[in-house]
C-alpha atoms as a PDB file:
ATOM      1  CA  MET A   1      34.926 -26.655 118.202  1.00  0.00           C
ATOM      2  CA  VAL A   2      34.061 -25.879 121.849  1.00  0.00           C
ATOM      3  CA  PRO A   3      30.316 -25.371 122.492  1.00  0.00           C
ATOM      4  CA  GLU A   4      29.578 -21.703 123.224  1.00  0.00           C
ATOM      5  CA  ASN A   5      28.128 -22.407 126.659  1.00  0.00           C
ATOM      6  CA  SER A   6      31.230 -24.412 127.622  1.00  0.00           C
ATOM      7  CA  LYS A   7      33.466 -21.653 126.313  1.00  0.00           C
ATOM      8  CA  ASN A   8      31.626 -19.049 128.393  1.00  0.00           C
ATOM      9  CA  ILE A   9      31.867 -21.181 131.532  1.00  0.00           C
ATOM     10  CA  PHE A  10      35.613 -21.584 130.943  1.00  0.00           C
ATOM     11  CA  LEU A  11      36.083 -17.843 130.438  1.00  0.00           C
ATOM     12  CA  GLU A  12      34.210 -17.095 133.650  1.00  0.00           C
ATOM     13  CA  LEU A  13      36.386 -19.564 135.549  1.00  0.00           C
ATOM     14  CA  ILE A  14      39.648 -17.971 134.405  1.00  0.00           C
ATOM     15  CA  GLY A  15      38.249 -14.461 134.701  1.00  0.00           C
ATOM     16  CA  LEU A  16      39.039 -13.185 131.203  1.00  0.00           C
ATOM     17  CA  HIS A  17      35.534 -11.774 130.770  1.00  0.00           C
ATOM     18  CA  ASN A  18      36.114  -9.528 133.771  1.00  0.00           C
ATOM     19  CA  ILE A  19      39.597  -8.186 133.045  1.00  0.00           C
ATOM     20  CA  ILE A  20      39.759  -4.492 133.939  1.00  0.00           C
ATOM     21  CA  PRO A  21      41.908  -1.986 131.992  1.00  0.00           C
ATOM     22  CA  ASP A  22      44.749  -1.722 134.525  1.00  0.00           C
ATOM     23  CA  THR A  23      45.173  -5.488 134.934  1.00  0.00           C
ATOM     24  CA  SER A  24      48.513  -6.948 133.782  1.00  0.00           C
ATOM     25  CA  ILE A  25      48.555 -10.371 132.135  1.00  0.00           C
ATOM     26  CA  PHE A  26      51.714 -12.487 131.824  1.00  0.00           C
ATOM     27  CA  VAL A  27      52.020 -15.034 129.000  1.00  0.00           C
ATOM     28  CA  ASP A  28      54.967 -17.218 128.034  1.00  0.00           C
ATOM     29  CA  SER A  29      55.215 -16.504 124.290  1.00  0.00           C
ATOM     30  CA  LEU A  30      54.362 -13.903 121.674  1.00  0.00           C
ATOM     31  CA  CYS A  31      52.173 -16.508 119.996  1.00  0.00           C
ATOM     32  CA  THR A  32      50.080 -16.860 123.146  1.00  0.00           C
ATOM     33  CA  LYS A  33      49.856 -13.084 123.451  1.00  0.00           C
ATOM     34  CA  MET A  34      48.557 -12.732 119.883  1.00  0.00           C
ATOM     35  CA  ASP A  35      46.031 -15.549 120.419  1.00  0.00           C
ATOM     36  CA  LEU A  36      44.828 -13.854 123.585  1.00  0.00           C
ATOM     37  CA  LEU A  37      44.373 -10.488 121.891  1.00  0.00           C
ATOM     38  CA  ARG A  38      42.592 -12.081 118.953  1.00  0.00           C
ATOM     39  CA  HIS A  39      40.067 -13.969 121.070  1.00  0.00           C
ATOM     40  CA  PHE A  40      39.533 -11.276 123.719  1.00  0.00           C
ATOM     41  CA  PRO A  41      39.361  -7.882 121.978  1.00  0.00           C
ATOM     42  CA  HIS A  42      38.527  -6.074 125.229  1.00  0.00           C
ATOM     43  CA  ILE A  43      42.106  -6.810 126.392  1.00  0.00           C
ATOM     44  CA  THR A  44      44.668  -4.298 125.117  1.00  0.00           C
ATOM     45  CA  GLU A  45      48.159  -5.083 123.861  1.00  0.00           C
ATOM     46  CA  ASN A  46      49.796  -3.066 126.659  1.00  0.00           C
ATOM     47  CA  GLN A  47      48.117  -5.243 129.277  1.00  0.00           C
ATOM     48  CA  VAL A  48      49.872  -8.397 128.054  1.00  0.00           C
ATOM     49  CA  THR A  49      53.567  -9.001 128.739  1.00  0.00           C
ATOM     50  CA  VAL A  50      55.560 -11.904 127.293  1.00  0.00           C
ATOM     51  CA  ILE A  51      57.651 -13.689 129.950  1.00  0.00           C
ATOM     52  CA  PRO A  52      59.471 -16.646 128.320  1.00  0.00           C
ATOM     53  CA  LEU A  53      60.052 -19.765 130.408  1.00  0.00           C
ATOM     54  CA  GLY A  54      63.352 -21.529 131.070  1.00  0.00           C
ATOM     55  CA  ALA A  55      64.659 -25.075 131.267  1.00  0.00           C
ATOM     56  CA  ASP A  56      66.011 -26.536 134.488  1.00  0.00           C
ATOM     57  CA  GLU A  57      69.807 -26.523 134.831  1.00  0.00           C
ATOM     58  CA  CYS A  58      69.758 -30.326 135.105  1.00  0.00           C
ATOM     59  CA  PHE A  59      69.328 -30.436 131.315  1.00  0.00           C
ATOM     60  CA  ARG A  60      72.869 -30.351 129.938  1.00  0.00           C
ATOM     61  CA  PRO A  61      75.154 -32.410 127.675  1.00  0.00           C
ATOM     62  CA  CYS A  62      76.486 -35.662 129.116  1.00  0.00           C
ATOM     63  CA  THR A  63      79.522 -37.491 127.733  1.00  0.00           C
ATOM     64  CA  ASP A  64      79.511 -40.220 130.395  1.00  0.00           C
ATOM     65  CA  ARG A  65      78.012 -43.110 128.467  1.00  0.00           C
ATOM     66  CA  SER A  66      77.791 -45.265 131.601  1.00  0.00           C
ATOM     67  CA  LYS A  67      75.300 -42.828 133.161  1.00  0.00           C
ATOM     68  CA  ILE A  68      73.154 -42.880 130.019  1.00  0.00           C
ATOM     69  CA  GLU A  69      73.276 -46.670 129.833  1.00  0.00           C
ATOM     70  CA  SER A  70      72.172 -46.949 133.463  1.00  0.00           C
ATOM     71  CA  VAL A  71      68.975 -45.153 132.417  1.00  0.00           C
ATOM     72  CA  PHE A  72      68.671 -47.509 129.424  1.00  0.00           C
ATOM     73  CA  GLN A  73      68.715 -50.458 131.795  1.00  0.00           C
ATOM     74  CA  LYS A  74      66.085 -48.926 134.074  1.00  0.00           C
ATOM     75  CA  TYR A  75      63.632 -48.377 131.197  1.00  0.00           C
ATOM     76  CA  HIS A  76      64.472 -51.565 129.296  1.00  0.00           C
ATOM     77  CA  LEU A  77      66.153 -49.900 126.325  1.00  0.00           C
ATOM     78  CA  PRO A  78      68.683 -51.926 124.299  1.00  0.00           C
ATOM     79  CA  LYS A  79      72.225 -51.033 125.351  1.00  0.00           C
ATOM     80  CA  ASN A  80      73.744 -49.903 122.051  1.00  0.00           C
ATOM     81  CA  ILE A  81      70.829 -48.289 120.240  1.00  0.00           C
ATOM     82  CA  VAL A  82      70.884 -45.037 118.324  1.00  0.00           C
ATOM     83  CA  TYR A  83      67.558 -43.380 119.047  1.00  0.00           C
ATOM     84  CA  ILE A  84      65.257 -40.586 118.016  1.00  0.00           C
ATOM     85  CA  LEU A  85      63.519 -39.253 121.125  1.00  0.00           C
ATOM     86  CA  SER A  86      60.160 -37.580 121.620  1.00  0.00           C
ATOM     87  CA  VAL A  87      58.934 -36.446 125.044  1.00  0.00           C
ATOM     88  CA  ALA A  88      55.371 -35.376 125.856  1.00  0.00           C
ATOM     89  CA  THR A  89      52.074 -36.606 127.219  1.00  0.00           C
ATOM     90  CA  LEU A  90      50.776 -39.143 124.707  1.00  0.00           C
ATOM     91  CA  GLU A  91      47.838 -37.102 123.477  1.00  0.00           C
ATOM     92  CA  ILE A  92      46.501 -36.232 120.058  1.00  0.00           C
ATOM     93  CA  ARG A  93      47.665 -32.588 120.147  1.00  0.00           C
ATOM     94  CA  LYS A  94      51.274 -33.724 120.332  1.00  0.00           C
ATOM     95  CA  ASN A  95      50.973 -35.455 116.930  1.00  0.00           C
ATOM     96  CA  PHE A  96      52.690 -38.686 117.980  1.00  0.00           C
ATOM     97  CA  ASP A  97      50.819 -40.702 115.359  1.00  0.00           C
ATOM     98  CA  HIS A  98      52.481 -38.572 112.661  1.00  0.00           C
ATOM     99  CA  VAL A  99      55.906 -39.157 114.219  1.00  0.00           C
ATOM    100  CA  ILE A 100      55.238 -42.913 114.273  1.00  0.00           C
ATOM    101  CA  ARG A 101      54.077 -42.967 110.629  1.00  0.00           C
ATOM    102  CA  SER A 102      57.074 -40.900 109.561  1.00  0.00           C
ATOM    103  CA  PHE A 103      59.489 -43.131 111.449  1.00  0.00           C
ATOM    104  CA  ALA A 104      57.908 -46.160 109.777  1.00  0.00           C
ATOM    105  CA  ALA A 105      58.402 -44.501 106.381  1.00  0.00           C
ATOM    106  CA  PHE A 106      62.008 -43.748 107.331  1.00  0.00           C
ATOM    107  CA  ILE A 107      62.672 -47.389 108.221  1.00  0.00           C
ATOM    108  CA  GLU A 108      61.029 -48.594 105.007  1.00  0.00           C
ATOM    109  CA  LYS A 109      63.259 -46.269 102.962  1.00  0.00           C
ATOM    110  CA  TYR A 110      66.517 -46.247 104.911  1.00  0.00           C
ATOM    111  CA  GLY A 111      66.230 -48.984 107.533  1.00  0.00           C
ATOM    112  CA  ASP A 112      68.987 -51.181 106.065  1.00  0.00           C
ATOM    113  CA  GLN A 113      71.459 -48.305 106.557  1.00  0.00           C
ATOM    114  CA  PHE A 114      70.447 -47.882 110.204  1.00  0.00           C
ATOM    115  CA  PRO A 115      69.969 -51.327 111.770  1.00  0.00           C
ATOM    116  CA  SER A 116      70.237 -50.002 115.335  1.00  0.00           C
ATOM    117  CA  VAL A 117      68.077 -46.854 115.040  1.00  0.00           C
ATOM    118  CA  GLN A 118      64.935 -46.840 117.172  1.00  0.00           C
ATOM    119  CA  LEU A 119      62.203 -44.398 118.087  1.00  0.00           C
ATOM    120  CA  VAL A 120      61.771 -43.783 121.823  1.00  0.00           C
ATOM    121  CA  LEU A 121      58.491 -42.195 122.929  1.00  0.00           C
ATOM    122  CA  THR A 122      58.461 -40.970 126.512  1.00  0.00           C
ATOM    123  CA  GLY A 123      55.363 -39.819 128.373  1.00  0.00           C
ATOM    124  CA  VAL A 124      52.222 -40.891 130.176  1.00  0.00           C
ATOM    125  CA  LYS A 125      48.940 -41.655 128.436  1.00  0.00           C
ATOM    126  CA  GLY A 126      46.775 -38.668 127.606  1.00  0.00           C
ATOM    127  CA  TRP A 127      43.737 -37.373 125.743  1.00  0.00           C
ATOM    128  CA  LEU A 128      42.693 -39.486 122.714  1.00  0.00           C
ATOM    129  CA  ASP A 129      45.862 -41.564 122.942  1.00  0.00           C
ATOM    130  CA  LYS A 130      44.036 -44.514 121.334  1.00  0.00           C
ATOM    131  CA  LYS A 131      44.787 -43.070 117.879  1.00  0.00           C
ATOM    132  CA  ILE A 132      48.494 -43.171 118.680  1.00  0.00           C
ATOM    133  CA  TYR A 133      48.439 -46.816 119.733  1.00  0.00           C
ATOM    134  CA  ASN A 134      46.235 -47.793 116.787  1.00  0.00           C
ATOM    135  CA  THR A 135      48.790 -46.250 114.434  1.00  0.00           C
ATOM    136  CA  TYR A 136      51.519 -48.250 116.158  1.00  0.00           C
ATOM    137  CA  LYS A 137      49.537 -51.495 116.049  1.00  0.00           C
ATOM    138  CA  GLY A 138      48.941 -51.066 112.314  1.00  0.00           C
ATOM    139  CA  LEU A 139      52.659 -51.148 111.504  1.00  0.00           C
ATOM    140  CA  LYS A 140      54.638 -54.137 110.286  1.00  0.00           C
ATOM    141  CA  ARG A 141      56.131 -56.194 113.102  1.00  0.00           C
ATOM    142  CA  LYS A 142      59.708 -55.380 112.049  1.00  0.00           C
ATOM    143  CA  ILE A 143      58.950 -51.666 112.491  1.00  0.00           C
ATOM    144  CA  ARG A 144      57.007 -52.081 115.754  1.00  0.00           C
ATOM    145  CA  LYS A 145      60.117 -53.746 117.188  1.00  0.00           C
ATOM    146  CA  ARG A 146      61.995 -50.489 116.626  1.00  0.00           C
ATOM    147  CA  ILE A 147      59.545 -48.325 118.587  1.00  0.00           C
ATOM    148  CA  ILE A 148      59.744 -48.146 122.376  1.00  0.00           C
ATOM    149  CA  PHE A 149      57.164 -46.608 124.719  1.00  0.00           C
ATOM    150  CA  THR A 150      58.919 -45.931 128.024  1.00  0.00           C
ATOM    151  CA  GLY A 151      55.882 -44.595 129.866  1.00  0.00           C
ATOM    152  CA  TYR A 152      56.603 -42.159 132.687  1.00  0.00           C
ATOM    153  CA  VAL A 153      60.280 -41.316 133.213  1.00  0.00           C
ATOM    154  CA  ASP A 154      61.547 -39.972 136.539  1.00  0.00           C
ATOM    155  CA  ASP A 155      62.663 -36.340 136.507  1.00  0.00           C
ATOM    156  CA  ALA A 156      66.199 -37.378 137.465  1.00  0.00           C
ATOM    157  CA  ASP A 157      66.456 -39.718 134.456  1.00  0.00           C
ATOM    158  CA  LEU A 158      64.950 -37.506 131.764  1.00  0.00           C
ATOM    159  CA  PRO A 159      68.047 -35.300 131.228  1.00  0.00           C
ATOM    160  CA  LEU A 160      70.122 -38.387 130.439  1.00  0.00           C
ATOM    161  CA  LEU A 161      67.543 -39.625 127.926  1.00  0.00           C
ATOM    162  CA  TYR A 162      67.726 -36.250 126.186  1.00  0.00           C
ATOM    163  CA  ALA A 163      71.528 -36.180 126.245  1.00  0.00           C
ATOM    164  CA  GLY A 164      71.846 -39.684 124.826  1.00  0.00           C
ATOM    165  CA  ALA A 165      69.507 -39.159 121.870  1.00  0.00           C
ATOM    166  CA  ALA A 166      70.737 -38.813 118.286  1.00  0.00           C
ATOM    167  CA  CYS A 167      68.030 -36.206 117.802  1.00  0.00           C
ATOM    168  CA  PHE A 168      64.837 -34.951 119.389  1.00  0.00           C
ATOM    169  CA  CYS A 169      61.568 -34.829 117.452  1.00  0.00           C
ATOM    170  CA  TYR A 170      58.601 -32.697 118.529  1.00  0.00           C
ATOM    171  CA  MET A 171      55.881 -32.279 115.920  1.00  0.00           C
ATOM    172  CA  SER A 172      53.165 -30.811 118.143  1.00  0.00           C
ATOM    173  CA  PHE A 173      50.252 -28.983 116.503  1.00  0.00           C
ATOM    174  CA  TYR A 174      50.125 -26.255 119.135  1.00  0.00           C
ATOM    175  CA  GLU A 175      52.266 -25.119 122.062  1.00  0.00           C
ATOM    176  CA  GLY A 176      51.838 -22.138 124.326  1.00  0.00           C
ATOM    177  CA  PHE A 177      55.597 -22.284 124.825  1.00  0.00           C
ATOM    178  CA  GLY A 178      57.124 -25.738 124.280  1.00  0.00           C
ATOM    179  CA  LEU A 179      59.589 -26.713 127.005  1.00  0.00           C
ATOM    180  CA  PRO A 180      60.742 -30.093 125.600  1.00  0.00           C
ATOM    181  CA  PRO A 181      62.568 -28.616 122.550  1.00  0.00           C
ATOM    182  CA  LEU A 182      64.299 -26.132 124.873  1.00  0.00           C
ATOM    183  CA  GLU A 183      65.291 -28.956 127.229  1.00  0.00           C
ATOM    184  CA  ALA A 184      66.659 -30.925 124.269  1.00  0.00           C
ATOM    185  CA  MET A 185      68.694 -27.982 122.935  1.00  0.00           C
ATOM    186  CA  GLN A 186      70.115 -27.307 126.387  1.00  0.00           C
ATOM    187  CA  SER A 187      71.063 -31.014 126.549  1.00  0.00           C
ATOM    188  CA  GLY A 188      73.110 -30.700 123.362  1.00  0.00           C
ATOM    189  CA  THR A 189      70.652 -32.687 121.235  1.00  0.00           C
ATOM    190  CA  PRO A 190      69.663 -31.676 117.659  1.00  0.00           C
ATOM    191  CA  VAL A 191      65.991 -30.690 117.439  1.00  0.00           C
ATOM    192  CA  ILE A 192      63.450 -31.364 114.685  1.00  0.00           C
ATOM    193  CA  THR A 193      60.137 -29.672 115.380  1.00  0.00           C
ATOM    194  CA  SER A 194      56.992 -28.296 113.800  1.00  0.00           C
ATOM    195  CA  ASN A 195      56.827 -24.710 112.588  1.00  0.00           C
ATOM    196  CA  THR A 196      53.558 -23.943 114.391  1.00  0.00           C
ATOM    197  CA  SER A 197      52.432 -21.715 117.263  1.00  0.00           C
ATOM    198  CA  SER A 198      55.218 -20.700 119.663  1.00  0.00           C
ATOM    199  CA  LEU A 199      57.809 -23.284 118.606  1.00  0.00           C
ATOM    200  CA  PRO A 200      59.686 -20.989 116.178  1.00  0.00           C
ATOM    201  CA  GLU A 201      60.145 -18.527 119.062  1.00  0.00           C
ATOM    202  CA  VAL A 202      61.757 -21.200 121.211  1.00  0.00           C
ATOM    203  CA  VAL A 203      63.883 -22.999 118.615  1.00  0.00           C
ATOM    204  CA  GLY A 204      64.831 -20.063 116.398  1.00  0.00           C
ATOM    205  CA  ASP A 205      67.235 -21.114 113.639  1.00  0.00           C
ATOM    206  CA  ALA A 206      68.815 -23.847 115.766  1.00  0.00           C
ATOM    207  CA  GLY A 207      66.561 -26.693 114.610  1.00  0.00           C
ATOM    208  CA  ILE A 208      64.919 -28.155 111.551  1.00  0.00           C
ATOM    209  CA  MET A 209      61.328 -26.897 111.360  1.00  0.00           C
ATOM    210  CA  LEU A 210      58.607 -28.562 109.290  1.00  0.00           C
ATOM    211  CA  TYR A 211      54.877 -28.457 108.705  1.00  0.00           C
ATOM    212  CA  PRO A 212      53.396 -30.793 111.326  1.00  0.00           C
ATOM    213  CA  ASN A 213      51.978 -33.241 108.736  1.00  0.00           C
ATOM    214  CA  ASP A 214      54.974 -33.368 106.377  1.00  0.00           C
ATOM    215  CA  VAL A 215      55.911 -37.062 106.339  1.00  0.00           C
ATOM    216  CA  ASP A 216      58.471 -36.828 103.534  1.00  0.00           C
ATOM    217  CA  GLY A 217      60.101 -33.810 105.140  1.00  0.00           C
ATOM    218  CA  LEU A 218      60.412 -35.573 108.495  1.00  0.00           C
ATOM    219  CA  VAL A 219      61.828 -38.728 106.882  1.00  0.00           C
ATOM    220  CA  GLU A 220      64.525 -36.688 105.159  1.00  0.00           C
ATOM    221  CA  ALA A 221      65.194 -34.669 108.326  1.00  0.00           C
ATOM    222  CA  PHE A 222      65.835 -37.916 110.226  1.00  0.00           C
ATOM    223  CA  TYR A 223      68.198 -39.025 107.476  1.00  0.00           C
ATOM    224  CA  ARG A 224      70.120 -35.740 107.366  1.00  0.00           C
ATOM    225  CA  VAL A 225      70.619 -35.526 111.122  1.00  0.00           C
ATOM    226  CA  LEU A 226      71.722 -39.158 111.352  1.00  0.00           C
ATOM    227  CA  THR A 227      74.170 -39.001 108.426  1.00  0.00           C
ATOM    228  CA  ASP A 228      75.548 -35.452 108.239  1.00  0.00           C
ATOM    229  CA  GLU A 229      78.031 -34.952 111.064  1.00  0.00           C
ATOM    230  CA  ASN A 230      78.637 -31.306 110.144  1.00  0.00           C
ATOM    231  CA  LEU A 231      74.916 -30.594 110.287  1.00  0.00           C
ATOM    232  CA  ARG A 232      74.622 -32.364 113.641  1.00  0.00           C
ATOM    233  CA  ASN A 233      77.470 -30.357 115.144  1.00  0.00           C
ATOM    234  CA  GLU A 234      76.040 -27.109 113.789  1.00  0.00           C
ATOM    235  CA  MET A 235      72.598 -27.885 115.223  1.00  0.00           C
ATOM    236  CA  ILE A 236      74.091 -28.826 118.588  1.00  0.00           C
ATOM    237  CA  GLN A 237      76.095 -25.598 118.851  1.00  0.00           C
ATOM    238  CA  LYS A 238      73.231 -23.417 117.661  1.00  0.00           C
ATOM    239  CA  GLY A 239      70.882 -25.203 120.061  1.00  0.00           C
ATOM    240  CA  LEU A 240      73.158 -24.602 123.039  1.00  0.00           C
ATOM    241  CA  GLU A 241      73.423 -20.906 122.124  1.00  0.00           C
ATOM    242  CA  GLN A 242      69.662 -20.584 121.568  1.00  0.00           C
ATOM    243  CA  ALA A 243      68.958 -22.208 124.935  1.00  0.00           C
ATOM    244  CA  LYS A 244      71.061 -19.545 126.687  1.00  0.00           C
ATOM    245  CA  LYS A 245      68.394 -16.985 125.769  1.00  0.00           C
ATOM    246  CA  PHE A 246      65.970 -18.677 128.185  1.00  0.00           C
ATOM    247  CA  SER A 247      66.329 -19.117 131.934  1.00  0.00           C
ATOM    248  CA  TRP A 248      64.200 -19.059 135.066  1.00  0.00           C
ATOM    249  CA  ASP A 249      66.376 -16.220 136.407  1.00  0.00           C
ATOM    250  CA  ARG A 250      65.505 -14.120 133.355  1.00  0.00           C
ATOM    251  CA  CYS A 251      61.854 -15.093 133.779  1.00  0.00           C
ATOM    252  CA  VAL A 252      61.866 -13.827 137.384  1.00  0.00           C
ATOM    253  CA  ASP A 253      63.755 -10.648 136.428  1.00  0.00           C
ATOM    254  CA  LEU A 254      61.192  -9.782 133.773  1.00  0.00           C
ATOM    255  CA  ILE A 255      58.296 -10.321 136.190  1.00  0.00           C
ATOM    256  CA  VAL A 256      59.941  -8.168 138.881  1.00  0.00           C
ATOM    257  CA  GLU A 257      60.735  -5.461 136.339  1.00  0.00           C
ATOM    258  CA  LYS A 258      57.137  -5.406 135.157  1.00  0.00           C
ATOM    259  CA  ILE A 259      55.773  -5.251 138.707  1.00  0.00           C
ATOM    260  CA  ILE A 260      58.142  -2.428 139.734  1.00  0.00           C
ATOM    261  CA  ASN A 261      57.420  -0.380 136.634  1.00  0.00           C
END
């Protein structure tokens, strides 16, 4: 809960207390629009336009294993691993501790079937990240050995990490839009994500969506994506099609259209 005085200071800084009736507001998802209207009743629905974001064109499938393995070498990843990837700032809102606990439960249940599967967590340290590392430190050594923190990854390398992953996992509690799942889909990587906030708008029916604290559900989702080739192919194709609905060109067109009209 944000103290009321802090909330008022924040609102004054971003100007939402002083929005006049003919002001147009652009937001990147319907979820954000509905949150805005709920918290600021003096703003009308017609003032708020949804302008979805897009993923950079550098995010695309890659079948050249040598390029992917060059990135492995740079970030000290084992050469022949199968990996579940998650990309975000390592902060509490992103729910990394849940992903770590669920991966640990997956290894306990199915680890013998997947000796080379690892969890790769990519991102810089963020708000309340201590909880994430404490969760990691509390695991058995054999499971800790299967979890890799890459830290910051260069923009040029990130598309290859996406493209090389067996699946992408993003169990965030709240997203105003959620670019990483879109980047993963555009990279041809199956997506498992939470069913909260704006994420259903971005992922549609292309991914597996779960409650953000569903450990058993996430364990079984990992298992299904790693074992069911038909499901993987279906998710990849649906993800590529879903990603086509979003682009920076469309984003610009919608803004220009709104301004002209």
